[in-house]
N, C-alpha and C. Protein backbone atom coordinates (compact mmCIF):
# COMPACT_ATOMS: atom_id res chain seq x y z
N UNK A 1 -14.14 -43.78 9.72
CA UNK A 1 -14.00 -43.02 8.47
C UNK A 1 -12.64 -42.37 8.35
N UNK A 2 -11.99 -42.03 9.48
CA UNK A 2 -10.73 -41.31 9.37
C UNK A 2 -9.59 -42.16 8.86
N UNK A 3 -9.85 -43.44 8.51
CA UNK A 3 -8.86 -44.27 7.84
C UNK A 3 -9.07 -44.26 6.32
N UNK A 4 -10.16 -43.64 5.85
CA UNK A 4 -10.45 -43.61 4.42
C UNK A 4 -9.57 -42.58 3.73
N UNK A 5 -9.26 -42.86 2.47
CA UNK A 5 -8.45 -41.95 1.67
C UNK A 5 -9.23 -40.67 1.39
N UNK A 6 -8.54 -39.54 1.43
CA UNK A 6 -9.18 -38.27 1.15
C UNK A 6 -8.77 -37.75 -0.22
N UNK A 7 -9.67 -36.98 -0.82
CA UNK A 7 -9.38 -36.32 -2.09
C UNK A 7 -9.84 -34.87 -1.96
N UNK A 8 -8.99 -33.95 -2.42
CA UNK A 8 -9.33 -32.53 -2.40
C UNK A 8 -9.37 -32.01 -3.83
N UNK A 9 -10.53 -31.52 -4.23
CA UNK A 9 -10.69 -30.91 -5.54
C UNK A 9 -10.37 -29.42 -5.43
N UNK A 10 -9.51 -28.95 -6.31
CA UNK A 10 -9.09 -27.55 -6.33
C UNK A 10 -9.13 -27.04 -7.77
N UNK A 11 -8.86 -25.74 -7.95
CA UNK A 11 -8.81 -25.19 -9.29
C UNK A 11 -7.48 -25.52 -9.95
N UNK A 12 -7.49 -25.70 -11.27
CA UNK A 12 -6.30 -26.12 -12.01
C UNK A 12 -5.20 -25.07 -12.02
N UNK A 13 -5.54 -23.79 -11.80
CA UNK A 13 -4.54 -22.74 -11.74
C UNK A 13 -3.95 -22.58 -10.33
N UNK A 14 -4.54 -23.26 -9.36
CA UNK A 14 -4.08 -23.17 -7.97
C UNK A 14 -4.05 -21.72 -7.50
N UNK A 15 -5.11 -20.98 -7.82
CA UNK A 15 -5.20 -19.58 -7.38
C UNK A 15 -6.34 -19.34 -6.40
N UNK A 16 -7.17 -20.34 -6.14
CA UNK A 16 -8.28 -20.14 -5.22
C UNK A 16 -7.76 -20.01 -3.79
N UNK A 17 -8.04 -18.90 -3.11
CA UNK A 17 -7.59 -18.76 -1.73
C UNK A 17 -8.27 -19.77 -0.81
N UNK A 18 -9.45 -20.20 -1.20
CA UNK A 18 -10.22 -21.13 -0.38
C UNK A 18 -9.68 -22.55 -0.54
N UNK A 19 -9.31 -22.91 -1.77
CA UNK A 19 -8.66 -24.19 -1.99
C UNK A 19 -7.32 -24.23 -1.25
N UNK A 20 -6.60 -23.12 -1.28
CA UNK A 20 -5.33 -23.03 -0.56
C UNK A 20 -5.53 -23.26 0.93
N UNK A 21 -6.56 -22.66 1.50
CA UNK A 21 -6.83 -22.80 2.93
C UNK A 21 -7.06 -24.25 3.31
N UNK A 22 -7.85 -24.96 2.51
CA UNK A 22 -8.12 -26.37 2.78
C UNK A 22 -6.86 -27.21 2.59
N UNK A 23 -6.10 -26.91 1.55
CA UNK A 23 -4.85 -27.63 1.28
C UNK A 23 -3.88 -27.49 2.45
N UNK A 24 -3.70 -26.25 2.91
CA UNK A 24 -2.78 -26.00 4.02
C UNK A 24 -3.23 -26.73 5.28
N UNK A 25 -4.53 -26.73 5.56
CA UNK A 25 -5.03 -27.43 6.74
C UNK A 25 -4.72 -28.92 6.67
N UNK A 26 -4.91 -29.52 5.51
CA UNK A 26 -4.60 -30.95 5.34
C UNK A 26 -3.11 -31.20 5.55
N UNK A 27 -2.27 -30.36 4.96
CA UNK A 27 -0.83 -30.53 5.10
C UNK A 27 -0.37 -30.32 6.55
N UNK A 28 -0.93 -29.30 7.21
CA UNK A 28 -0.56 -29.06 8.60
C UNK A 28 -0.89 -30.26 9.48
N UNK A 29 -1.98 -30.92 9.17
CA UNK A 29 -2.41 -32.08 9.95
C UNK A 29 -1.69 -33.36 9.55
N UNK A 30 -0.90 -33.30 8.49
CA UNK A 30 -0.15 -34.47 8.06
C UNK A 30 -1.03 -35.58 7.50
N UNK A 31 -2.15 -35.18 6.90
CA UNK A 31 -3.11 -36.16 6.37
C UNK A 31 -2.78 -36.44 4.91
N UNK A 32 -2.71 -37.72 4.56
CA UNK A 32 -2.50 -38.08 3.16
C UNK A 32 -3.78 -37.85 2.38
N UNK A 33 -3.63 -37.25 1.20
CA UNK A 33 -4.80 -37.01 0.36
C UNK A 33 -4.36 -36.89 -1.09
N UNK A 34 -5.29 -37.05 -1.98
CA UNK A 34 -5.04 -36.87 -3.41
C UNK A 34 -5.55 -35.50 -3.82
N UNK A 35 -4.78 -34.81 -4.63
CA UNK A 35 -5.14 -33.49 -5.11
C UNK A 35 -5.69 -33.62 -6.53
N UNK A 36 -6.92 -33.15 -6.74
CA UNK A 36 -7.58 -33.27 -8.04
C UNK A 36 -7.92 -31.89 -8.58
N UNK A 37 -7.13 -31.37 -9.52
CA UNK A 37 -7.40 -30.05 -10.10
C UNK A 37 -8.55 -30.11 -11.11
N UNK A 38 -9.37 -29.07 -11.11
CA UNK A 38 -10.45 -28.92 -12.08
C UNK A 38 -10.22 -27.66 -12.90
N UNK A 39 -10.45 -27.76 -14.20
CA UNK A 39 -10.34 -26.60 -15.07
C UNK A 39 -11.66 -25.83 -15.01
N UNK A 40 -11.68 -24.76 -14.25
CA UNK A 40 -12.91 -23.99 -14.10
C UNK A 40 -13.27 -23.24 -15.37
N UNK A 41 -12.25 -22.87 -16.16
CA UNK A 41 -12.54 -22.19 -17.43
C UNK A 41 -13.26 -23.11 -18.40
N UNK A 42 -13.03 -24.41 -18.27
CA UNK A 42 -13.71 -25.40 -19.12
C UNK A 42 -14.98 -25.92 -18.45
N UNK A 43 -15.35 -25.32 -17.32
CA UNK A 43 -16.58 -25.65 -16.59
C UNK A 43 -16.59 -27.11 -16.10
N UNK A 44 -15.42 -27.62 -15.77
CA UNK A 44 -15.37 -28.99 -15.23
C UNK A 44 -16.09 -29.08 -13.89
N UNK A 45 -16.19 -27.96 -13.21
CA UNK A 45 -16.91 -27.95 -11.93
C UNK A 45 -18.42 -28.08 -12.11
N UNK A 46 -18.90 -27.92 -13.33
CA UNK A 46 -20.33 -28.07 -13.60
C UNK A 46 -20.67 -29.42 -14.23
N UNK A 47 -19.68 -30.29 -14.32
CA UNK A 47 -19.94 -31.61 -14.88
C UNK A 47 -20.89 -32.39 -13.97
N UNK A 48 -21.55 -33.35 -14.53
CA UNK A 48 -22.52 -34.14 -13.76
C UNK A 48 -21.85 -34.86 -12.60
N UNK A 49 -20.67 -35.41 -12.86
CA UNK A 49 -19.96 -36.16 -11.82
C UNK A 49 -19.58 -35.25 -10.66
N UNK A 50 -19.05 -34.07 -10.98
CA UNK A 50 -18.63 -33.18 -9.90
C UNK A 50 -19.84 -32.60 -9.17
N UNK A 51 -20.88 -32.28 -9.90
CA UNK A 51 -22.09 -31.73 -9.27
C UNK A 51 -22.70 -32.72 -8.30
N UNK A 52 -22.47 -34.01 -8.54
CA UNK A 52 -23.01 -35.03 -7.62
C UNK A 52 -22.23 -35.06 -6.31
N UNK A 53 -21.00 -34.49 -6.32
CA UNK A 53 -20.18 -34.43 -5.11
C UNK A 53 -20.30 -33.08 -4.41
N UNK A 54 -20.32 -32.01 -5.19
CA UNK A 54 -20.26 -30.66 -4.64
C UNK A 54 -21.63 -29.98 -4.72
N UNK A 55 -22.21 -29.73 -3.59
CA UNK A 55 -23.50 -29.06 -3.54
C UNK A 55 -23.44 -27.70 -4.23
N UNK A 56 -22.32 -27.01 -4.07
CA UNK A 56 -22.18 -25.65 -4.61
C UNK A 56 -21.53 -25.62 -5.98
N UNK A 57 -21.00 -26.74 -6.44
CA UNK A 57 -20.27 -26.83 -7.72
C UNK A 57 -19.10 -25.85 -7.75
N UNK A 58 -18.47 -25.70 -6.60
CA UNK A 58 -17.32 -24.82 -6.50
C UNK A 58 -16.14 -25.61 -5.94
N UNK A 59 -14.97 -24.97 -5.91
CA UNK A 59 -13.82 -25.54 -5.24
C UNK A 59 -13.51 -24.68 -4.02
N UNK A 60 -12.99 -25.32 -2.97
CA UNK A 60 -12.63 -26.73 -2.90
C UNK A 60 -13.82 -27.61 -2.53
N UNK A 61 -13.67 -28.88 -2.82
CA UNK A 61 -14.54 -29.91 -2.28
C UNK A 61 -13.66 -31.02 -1.73
N UNK A 62 -13.97 -31.48 -0.55
CA UNK A 62 -13.25 -32.58 0.08
C UNK A 62 -14.11 -33.84 0.01
N UNK A 63 -13.51 -34.94 -0.41
CA UNK A 63 -14.19 -36.24 -0.39
C UNK A 63 -13.44 -37.13 0.59
N UNK A 64 -14.17 -37.66 1.54
CA UNK A 64 -13.61 -38.52 2.58
C UNK A 64 -14.46 -39.77 2.65
N UNK A 65 -13.97 -40.84 2.04
CA UNK A 65 -14.79 -42.04 1.95
C UNK A 65 -16.01 -41.76 1.09
N UNK A 66 -17.19 -41.99 1.65
CA UNK A 66 -18.42 -41.72 0.90
C UNK A 66 -19.04 -40.39 1.29
N UNK A 67 -18.26 -39.54 1.96
CA UNK A 67 -18.74 -38.24 2.41
C UNK A 67 -18.06 -37.14 1.59
N UNK A 68 -18.82 -36.17 1.12
CA UNK A 68 -18.27 -35.05 0.37
C UNK A 68 -18.73 -33.74 0.99
N UNK A 69 -17.84 -32.75 1.01
CA UNK A 69 -18.13 -31.49 1.66
C UNK A 69 -17.48 -30.35 0.88
N UNK A 70 -18.26 -29.31 0.63
CA UNK A 70 -17.75 -28.12 -0.05
C UNK A 70 -17.68 -26.95 0.93
N UNK A 71 -17.05 -25.86 0.47
CA UNK A 71 -16.84 -24.61 1.21
C UNK A 71 -15.68 -24.78 2.20
N UNK A 72 -14.66 -23.95 2.01
CA UNK A 72 -13.38 -24.17 2.67
C UNK A 72 -13.43 -24.12 4.19
N UNK A 73 -14.15 -23.16 4.77
CA UNK A 73 -14.17 -23.10 6.23
C UNK A 73 -14.93 -24.28 6.82
N UNK A 74 -15.95 -24.77 6.11
CA UNK A 74 -16.63 -26.00 6.55
C UNK A 74 -15.67 -27.18 6.50
N UNK A 75 -14.84 -27.21 5.47
CA UNK A 75 -13.86 -28.30 5.32
C UNK A 75 -12.84 -28.26 6.45
N UNK A 76 -12.28 -27.08 6.74
CA UNK A 76 -11.26 -27.01 7.79
C UNK A 76 -11.85 -27.31 9.16
N UNK A 77 -13.07 -26.91 9.40
CA UNK A 77 -13.71 -27.23 10.67
C UNK A 77 -13.98 -28.74 10.77
N UNK A 78 -14.39 -29.34 9.66
CA UNK A 78 -14.61 -30.79 9.65
C UNK A 78 -13.29 -31.53 9.93
N UNK A 79 -12.22 -31.11 9.27
CA UNK A 79 -10.93 -31.74 9.50
C UNK A 79 -10.49 -31.60 10.95
N UNK A 80 -10.79 -30.46 11.55
CA UNK A 80 -10.43 -30.24 12.95
C UNK A 80 -11.18 -31.21 13.86
N UNK A 81 -12.42 -31.51 13.53
CA UNK A 81 -13.21 -32.43 14.35
C UNK A 81 -12.78 -33.88 14.16
N UNK A 82 -12.48 -34.26 12.92
CA UNK A 82 -12.18 -35.67 12.61
C UNK A 82 -10.72 -36.01 12.87
N UNK A 83 -9.84 -35.03 12.69
CA UNK A 83 -8.40 -35.26 12.89
C UNK A 83 -7.87 -34.21 13.88
N UNK A 84 -8.22 -34.32 15.16
CA UNK A 84 -7.90 -33.26 16.12
C UNK A 84 -6.47 -33.27 16.63
N UNK A 85 -5.68 -34.28 16.27
CA UNK A 85 -4.36 -34.44 16.88
C UNK A 85 -3.45 -33.23 16.64
N UNK A 86 -3.48 -32.68 15.45
CA UNK A 86 -2.69 -31.48 15.14
C UNK A 86 -3.67 -30.36 14.82
N UNK A 87 -3.94 -29.48 15.77
CA UNK A 87 -4.99 -28.46 15.57
C UNK A 87 -4.58 -27.37 14.58
N UNK A 88 -5.56 -26.88 13.84
CA UNK A 88 -5.35 -25.71 12.98
C UNK A 88 -6.21 -24.55 13.43
N UNK A 89 -6.94 -24.74 14.52
CA UNK A 89 -7.72 -23.68 15.16
C UNK A 89 -7.24 -23.54 16.60
N UNK A 90 -7.42 -22.36 17.21
CA UNK A 90 -7.09 -22.21 18.63
C UNK A 90 -7.89 -23.20 19.48
N UNK A 91 -7.29 -23.64 20.56
CA UNK A 91 -7.97 -24.58 21.45
C UNK A 91 -9.00 -23.88 22.33
N UNK A 92 -8.68 -22.67 22.77
CA UNK A 92 -9.59 -21.94 23.66
C UNK A 92 -10.83 -21.52 22.87
N UNK A 93 -11.99 -21.73 23.46
CA UNK A 93 -13.24 -21.62 22.72
C UNK A 93 -13.51 -20.22 22.18
N UNK A 94 -13.25 -19.19 22.97
CA UNK A 94 -13.53 -17.84 22.47
C UNK A 94 -12.56 -17.46 21.34
N UNK A 95 -11.30 -17.89 21.46
CA UNK A 95 -10.35 -17.62 20.39
C UNK A 95 -10.71 -18.41 19.13
N UNK A 96 -11.18 -19.64 19.32
CA UNK A 96 -11.60 -20.42 18.16
C UNK A 96 -12.78 -19.74 17.46
N UNK A 97 -13.70 -19.22 18.26
CA UNK A 97 -14.84 -18.51 17.68
C UNK A 97 -14.37 -17.27 16.91
N UNK A 98 -13.37 -16.56 17.45
CA UNK A 98 -12.85 -15.39 16.75
C UNK A 98 -12.13 -15.77 15.46
N UNK A 99 -11.43 -16.90 15.48
CA UNK A 99 -10.78 -17.36 14.26
C UNK A 99 -11.81 -17.64 13.18
N UNK A 100 -12.91 -18.27 13.56
CA UNK A 100 -13.98 -18.53 12.60
C UNK A 100 -14.64 -17.23 12.16
N UNK A 101 -14.71 -16.25 13.06
CA UNK A 101 -15.24 -14.95 12.69
C UNK A 101 -14.37 -14.31 11.61
N UNK A 102 -13.05 -14.35 11.79
CA UNK A 102 -12.14 -13.80 10.80
C UNK A 102 -12.33 -14.50 9.46
N UNK A 103 -12.41 -15.82 9.47
CA UNK A 103 -12.60 -16.57 8.23
C UNK A 103 -13.90 -16.18 7.53
N UNK A 104 -14.97 -16.12 8.29
CA UNK A 104 -16.27 -15.80 7.69
C UNK A 104 -16.26 -14.38 7.13
N UNK A 105 -15.64 -13.46 7.84
CA UNK A 105 -15.59 -12.06 7.38
C UNK A 105 -14.80 -11.94 6.09
N UNK A 106 -13.65 -12.58 6.01
CA UNK A 106 -12.82 -12.48 4.82
C UNK A 106 -13.50 -13.09 3.59
N UNK A 107 -14.40 -14.04 3.82
CA UNK A 107 -15.09 -14.69 2.72
C UNK A 107 -16.36 -13.94 2.29
N UNK A 108 -16.90 -13.11 3.17
CA UNK A 108 -18.21 -12.52 2.89
C UNK A 108 -18.17 -11.00 2.68
N UNK A 109 -17.05 -10.37 3.02
CA UNK A 109 -16.94 -8.92 2.95
C UNK A 109 -15.76 -8.55 2.05
N UNK A 110 -15.49 -7.27 1.95
CA UNK A 110 -14.32 -6.76 1.22
C UNK A 110 -14.35 -7.11 -0.26
N UNK A 111 -15.56 -7.18 -0.82
CA UNK A 111 -15.73 -7.57 -2.21
C UNK A 111 -14.92 -6.70 -3.18
N UNK A 112 -14.86 -5.37 -3.00
CA UNK A 112 -14.07 -4.58 -3.96
C UNK A 112 -12.60 -5.01 -4.02
N UNK A 113 -12.03 -5.42 -2.90
CA UNK A 113 -10.65 -5.91 -2.93
C UNK A 113 -10.58 -7.19 -3.74
N UNK A 114 -11.49 -8.11 -3.48
CA UNK A 114 -11.47 -9.38 -4.21
C UNK A 114 -11.70 -9.17 -5.70
N UNK A 115 -12.49 -8.16 -6.05
CA UNK A 115 -12.74 -7.89 -7.46
C UNK A 115 -11.55 -7.22 -8.15
N UNK A 116 -10.92 -6.27 -7.45
CA UNK A 116 -9.87 -5.47 -8.09
C UNK A 116 -8.45 -5.99 -7.81
N UNK A 117 -8.34 -6.91 -6.88
CA UNK A 117 -7.04 -7.50 -6.58
C UNK A 117 -7.19 -9.03 -6.62
N UNK A 118 -7.36 -9.53 -7.83
CA UNK A 118 -7.46 -10.96 -8.05
C UNK A 118 -6.25 -11.68 -7.46
N UNK A 119 -6.41 -12.92 -7.11
CA UNK A 119 -5.27 -13.70 -6.63
C UNK A 119 -4.28 -13.99 -7.75
N UNK A 120 -4.57 -13.56 -8.96
CA UNK A 120 -3.56 -13.65 -10.02
C UNK A 120 -2.34 -12.80 -9.67
N UNK A 121 -2.54 -11.72 -8.91
CA UNK A 121 -1.40 -10.92 -8.48
C UNK A 121 -0.57 -11.68 -7.46
N UNK A 122 -1.20 -12.52 -6.67
CA UNK A 122 -0.50 -13.27 -5.63
C UNK A 122 0.29 -14.43 -6.23
N UNK A 123 -0.33 -15.16 -7.15
CA UNK A 123 0.28 -16.40 -7.63
C UNK A 123 0.89 -16.29 -9.03
N UNK A 124 0.55 -15.24 -9.77
CA UNK A 124 1.13 -15.05 -11.10
C UNK A 124 1.85 -13.71 -11.23
N UNK A 125 1.75 -12.85 -10.24
CA UNK A 125 2.40 -11.55 -10.32
C UNK A 125 1.74 -10.58 -11.27
N UNK A 126 0.46 -10.81 -11.58
CA UNK A 126 -0.27 -9.98 -12.53
C UNK A 126 -0.87 -8.78 -11.79
N UNK A 127 -0.27 -7.61 -11.96
CA UNK A 127 -0.69 -6.43 -11.21
C UNK A 127 -1.84 -5.71 -11.90
N UNK A 128 -2.60 -4.97 -11.10
CA UNK A 128 -3.79 -4.28 -11.59
C UNK A 128 -3.66 -2.78 -11.41
N UNK A 129 -4.61 -2.04 -11.96
CA UNK A 129 -4.65 -0.59 -11.90
C UNK A 129 -4.89 -0.12 -10.46
N UNK A 130 -4.72 1.17 -10.19
CA UNK A 130 -4.97 1.68 -8.83
C UNK A 130 -6.38 1.34 -8.35
N UNK A 131 -6.51 1.24 -7.05
CA UNK A 131 -7.80 0.90 -6.44
C UNK A 131 -8.84 1.98 -6.70
N UNK A 132 -10.07 1.55 -6.88
CA UNK A 132 -11.19 2.49 -6.96
C UNK A 132 -11.48 3.02 -5.57
N UNK A 133 -12.27 4.09 -5.45
CA UNK A 133 -12.64 4.59 -4.11
C UNK A 133 -13.28 3.51 -3.24
N UNK A 134 -14.13 2.67 -3.84
CA UNK A 134 -14.77 1.62 -3.05
C UNK A 134 -13.74 0.62 -2.55
N UNK A 135 -12.77 0.27 -3.38
CA UNK A 135 -11.74 -0.67 -2.96
C UNK A 135 -10.79 -0.04 -1.94
N UNK A 136 -10.52 1.26 -2.10
CA UNK A 136 -9.70 1.95 -1.10
C UNK A 136 -10.38 1.92 0.26
N UNK A 137 -11.70 2.11 0.27
CA UNK A 137 -12.45 2.05 1.53
C UNK A 137 -12.38 0.65 2.13
N UNK A 138 -12.50 -0.37 1.29
CA UNK A 138 -12.40 -1.75 1.77
C UNK A 138 -11.00 -2.04 2.30
N UNK A 139 -9.98 -1.49 1.63
CA UNK A 139 -8.61 -1.71 2.08
C UNK A 139 -8.38 -1.07 3.44
N UNK A 140 -8.93 0.13 3.66
CA UNK A 140 -8.81 0.77 4.98
C UNK A 140 -9.49 -0.08 6.05
N UNK A 141 -10.62 -0.65 5.70
CA UNK A 141 -11.34 -1.50 6.66
C UNK A 141 -10.52 -2.74 6.99
N UNK A 142 -9.94 -3.36 5.96
CA UNK A 142 -9.10 -4.54 6.16
C UNK A 142 -7.90 -4.21 7.02
N UNK A 143 -7.21 -3.15 6.68
CA UNK A 143 -6.01 -2.77 7.41
C UNK A 143 -6.35 -2.41 8.85
N UNK A 144 -7.43 -1.68 9.07
CA UNK A 144 -7.83 -1.33 10.43
C UNK A 144 -8.14 -2.55 11.27
N UNK A 145 -8.85 -3.50 10.70
CA UNK A 145 -9.19 -4.72 11.44
C UNK A 145 -7.94 -5.53 11.73
N UNK A 146 -7.05 -5.66 10.74
CA UNK A 146 -5.82 -6.43 10.95
C UNK A 146 -4.95 -5.78 12.02
N UNK A 147 -4.87 -4.46 12.00
CA UNK A 147 -4.08 -3.77 13.03
C UNK A 147 -4.68 -3.96 14.42
N UNK A 148 -6.01 -3.97 14.50
CA UNK A 148 -6.66 -4.19 15.80
C UNK A 148 -6.39 -5.60 16.30
N UNK A 149 -6.44 -6.56 15.41
CA UNK A 149 -6.22 -7.96 15.80
C UNK A 149 -4.77 -8.22 16.21
N UNK A 150 -3.84 -7.45 15.63
CA UNK A 150 -2.42 -7.66 15.87
C UNK A 150 -1.80 -6.48 16.63
N UNK A 151 -2.62 -5.80 17.42
CA UNK A 151 -2.23 -4.53 18.04
C UNK A 151 -1.03 -4.63 18.95
N UNK A 152 -0.82 -5.75 19.59
CA UNK A 152 0.29 -5.88 20.54
C UNK A 152 1.56 -6.41 19.89
N UNK A 153 1.59 -6.45 18.57
CA UNK A 153 2.79 -6.91 17.87
C UNK A 153 2.95 -8.41 17.82
N UNK A 154 1.90 -9.13 18.13
CA UNK A 154 1.98 -10.60 18.14
C UNK A 154 2.29 -11.15 16.75
N UNK A 155 2.90 -12.33 16.71
CA UNK A 155 3.26 -12.95 15.43
C UNK A 155 2.06 -13.58 14.75
N UNK A 156 1.11 -14.04 15.56
CA UNK A 156 -0.07 -14.72 15.04
C UNK A 156 -1.32 -14.11 15.66
N UNK A 157 -2.45 -14.32 15.01
CA UNK A 157 -3.70 -13.71 15.48
C UNK A 157 -4.06 -14.12 16.90
N UNK A 158 -3.81 -15.39 17.22
CA UNK A 158 -4.31 -15.92 18.49
C UNK A 158 -3.19 -16.58 19.30
N UNK A 159 -2.01 -15.97 19.29
CA UNK A 159 -0.91 -16.46 20.09
C UNK A 159 -0.09 -17.52 19.37
N UNK A 160 -0.75 -18.52 18.84
CA UNK A 160 -0.11 -19.55 18.03
C UNK A 160 -0.76 -19.56 16.66
N UNK A 161 -0.02 -20.10 15.68
CA UNK A 161 -0.52 -20.14 14.32
C UNK A 161 -1.88 -20.83 14.23
N UNK A 162 -2.74 -20.32 13.38
CA UNK A 162 -4.00 -21.00 13.05
C UNK A 162 -4.29 -20.78 11.57
N UNK A 163 -5.23 -21.52 11.04
CA UNK A 163 -5.57 -21.41 9.63
C UNK A 163 -6.09 -20.01 9.29
N UNK A 164 -6.63 -19.30 10.27
CA UNK A 164 -7.09 -17.94 10.03
C UNK A 164 -5.94 -17.01 9.66
N UNK A 165 -4.72 -17.31 10.14
CA UNK A 165 -3.56 -16.51 9.77
C UNK A 165 -3.28 -16.61 8.28
N UNK A 166 -3.45 -17.79 7.71
CA UNK A 166 -3.24 -17.97 6.27
C UNK A 166 -4.27 -17.16 5.50
N UNK A 167 -5.52 -17.22 5.93
CA UNK A 167 -6.58 -16.51 5.23
C UNK A 167 -6.37 -15.00 5.27
N UNK A 168 -5.97 -14.48 6.44
CA UNK A 168 -5.73 -13.03 6.55
C UNK A 168 -4.51 -12.62 5.74
N UNK A 169 -3.44 -13.41 5.80
CA UNK A 169 -2.24 -13.09 5.04
C UNK A 169 -2.52 -13.06 3.55
N UNK A 170 -3.34 -13.99 3.08
CA UNK A 170 -3.68 -14.01 1.66
C UNK A 170 -4.41 -12.73 1.26
N UNK A 171 -5.36 -12.30 2.07
CA UNK A 171 -6.10 -11.08 1.75
C UNK A 171 -5.17 -9.87 1.76
N UNK A 172 -4.29 -9.79 2.72
CA UNK A 172 -3.33 -8.69 2.76
C UNK A 172 -2.39 -8.73 1.56
N UNK A 173 -2.00 -9.92 1.14
CA UNK A 173 -1.07 -10.04 0.02
C UNK A 173 -1.69 -9.62 -1.31
N UNK A 174 -3.00 -9.63 -1.40
CA UNK A 174 -3.64 -9.09 -2.61
C UNK A 174 -3.21 -7.63 -2.81
N UNK A 175 -3.09 -6.90 -1.71
CA UNK A 175 -2.67 -5.50 -1.75
C UNK A 175 -1.15 -5.39 -1.80
N UNK A 176 -0.48 -6.09 -0.90
CA UNK A 176 0.97 -5.97 -0.76
C UNK A 176 1.68 -6.30 -2.07
N UNK A 177 1.32 -7.42 -2.68
CA UNK A 177 2.03 -7.89 -3.88
C UNK A 177 1.66 -7.11 -5.13
N UNK A 178 0.62 -6.29 -5.02
CA UNK A 178 0.29 -5.38 -6.12
C UNK A 178 1.01 -4.04 -5.96
N UNK A 179 1.63 -3.83 -4.80
CA UNK A 179 2.32 -2.57 -4.55
C UNK A 179 1.47 -1.52 -3.88
N UNK A 180 0.31 -1.90 -3.37
CA UNK A 180 -0.54 -0.94 -2.66
C UNK A 180 0.04 -0.67 -1.27
N UNK A 181 -0.31 0.48 -0.73
CA UNK A 181 0.23 0.89 0.57
C UNK A 181 -0.38 0.06 1.70
N UNK A 182 0.49 -0.63 2.43
CA UNK A 182 0.10 -1.41 3.59
C UNK A 182 1.14 -1.17 4.68
N UNK A 183 0.73 -0.92 5.93
CA UNK A 183 1.70 -0.66 6.99
C UNK A 183 2.75 -1.78 7.11
N UNK A 184 3.97 -1.38 7.43
CA UNK A 184 5.09 -2.32 7.43
C UNK A 184 4.87 -3.50 8.38
N UNK A 185 4.24 -3.24 9.51
CA UNK A 185 4.00 -4.34 10.46
C UNK A 185 3.11 -5.41 9.86
N UNK A 186 2.13 -5.00 9.06
CA UNK A 186 1.25 -5.97 8.42
C UNK A 186 1.95 -6.67 7.26
N UNK A 187 2.84 -5.95 6.57
CA UNK A 187 3.64 -6.59 5.52
C UNK A 187 4.50 -7.69 6.14
N UNK A 188 5.14 -7.39 7.27
CA UNK A 188 5.97 -8.38 7.95
C UNK A 188 5.13 -9.57 8.42
N UNK A 189 3.95 -9.29 8.92
CA UNK A 189 3.05 -10.36 9.36
C UNK A 189 2.70 -11.27 8.18
N UNK A 190 2.31 -10.68 7.05
CA UNK A 190 1.92 -11.48 5.89
C UNK A 190 3.10 -12.28 5.37
N UNK A 191 4.28 -11.67 5.33
CA UNK A 191 5.47 -12.38 4.86
C UNK A 191 5.79 -13.57 5.77
N UNK A 192 5.60 -13.38 7.06
CA UNK A 192 5.88 -14.46 8.01
C UNK A 192 4.96 -15.64 7.78
N UNK A 193 3.68 -15.38 7.56
CA UNK A 193 2.75 -16.47 7.29
C UNK A 193 3.08 -17.15 5.96
N UNK A 194 3.53 -16.35 5.00
CA UNK A 194 3.79 -16.86 3.65
C UNK A 194 4.98 -17.82 3.62
N UNK A 195 5.89 -17.68 4.58
CA UNK A 195 7.06 -18.54 4.62
C UNK A 195 6.80 -19.88 5.31
N UNK A 196 5.62 -20.07 5.83
CA UNK A 196 5.30 -21.36 6.45
C UNK A 196 5.43 -22.46 5.40
N UNK A 197 6.08 -23.58 5.72
CA UNK A 197 6.34 -24.62 4.72
C UNK A 197 5.09 -25.11 3.99
N UNK A 198 3.98 -25.25 4.71
CA UNK A 198 2.77 -25.75 4.05
C UNK A 198 2.20 -24.72 3.08
N UNK A 199 2.36 -23.44 3.40
CA UNK A 199 1.92 -22.38 2.50
C UNK A 199 2.83 -22.35 1.27
N UNK A 200 4.13 -22.46 1.50
CA UNK A 200 5.08 -22.46 0.38
C UNK A 200 4.85 -23.66 -0.55
N UNK A 201 4.40 -24.75 0.00
CA UNK A 201 4.11 -25.91 -0.85
C UNK A 201 3.01 -25.57 -1.86
N UNK A 202 1.99 -24.85 -1.41
CA UNK A 202 0.94 -24.42 -2.33
C UNK A 202 1.47 -23.36 -3.31
N UNK A 203 2.21 -22.40 -2.80
CA UNK A 203 2.75 -21.32 -3.63
C UNK A 203 3.60 -21.88 -4.76
N UNK A 204 4.35 -22.94 -4.48
CA UNK A 204 5.30 -23.49 -5.46
C UNK A 204 4.71 -24.54 -6.38
N UNK A 205 3.41 -24.80 -6.30
CA UNK A 205 2.80 -25.73 -7.23
C UNK A 205 2.99 -25.24 -8.67
N UNK A 206 3.16 -26.17 -9.60
CA UNK A 206 3.35 -25.83 -11.01
C UNK A 206 2.03 -25.37 -11.61
N UNK A 207 2.01 -24.12 -12.06
CA UNK A 207 0.78 -23.54 -12.59
C UNK A 207 0.83 -23.43 -14.12
N UNK A 208 -0.31 -23.63 -14.77
CA UNK A 208 -0.32 -23.46 -16.23
C UNK A 208 -0.15 -22.01 -16.61
N UNK A 209 0.37 -21.76 -17.79
CA UNK A 209 0.53 -20.39 -18.27
C UNK A 209 -0.85 -19.75 -18.47
N UNK A 210 -0.90 -18.45 -18.25
CA UNK A 210 -2.16 -17.72 -18.44
C UNK A 210 -2.46 -17.55 -19.92
């Protein structure tokens, strides 16, 4: 199957952090694939054809031959298993488990940040009003966890770059690029991840006007 052509369905605005994560993983692994944008505002993700591929009717969805898979962390883990030559997860098992822990946490928690700091601020520069108390509490939690993970001044979460670094940098950039207070060490960390060529490739995609 790993000789079959791959297709990655993403949002047409290229603002989904989860689509970005899958895109970066594919690029890091040097895998050829076709990028298929869907207009979520026009509900293209709810079309019959797409629903037959995506169990969740969300982006991203990866199609590999006759196999289709949704949810970004499932996609990156699948790619790691099928194309292991260039890893995007730590090799050591406990560190790999922690990387997956970071990914799962960023996707399931910190809802006030995701609600009040849309990725429109990251990819379109659209800034929002000051954080609510609930979002401020979530921001403190995010910053505290990031500082604990990077306590020794390391450049990456697990010694070497992993896809979890992209996910954490994206969440931090929701705050940083809106002008919210974030410790300088975390700003430098996020900027470092953002300059990675595969990340910049996603950042520089041509986006439609809002």
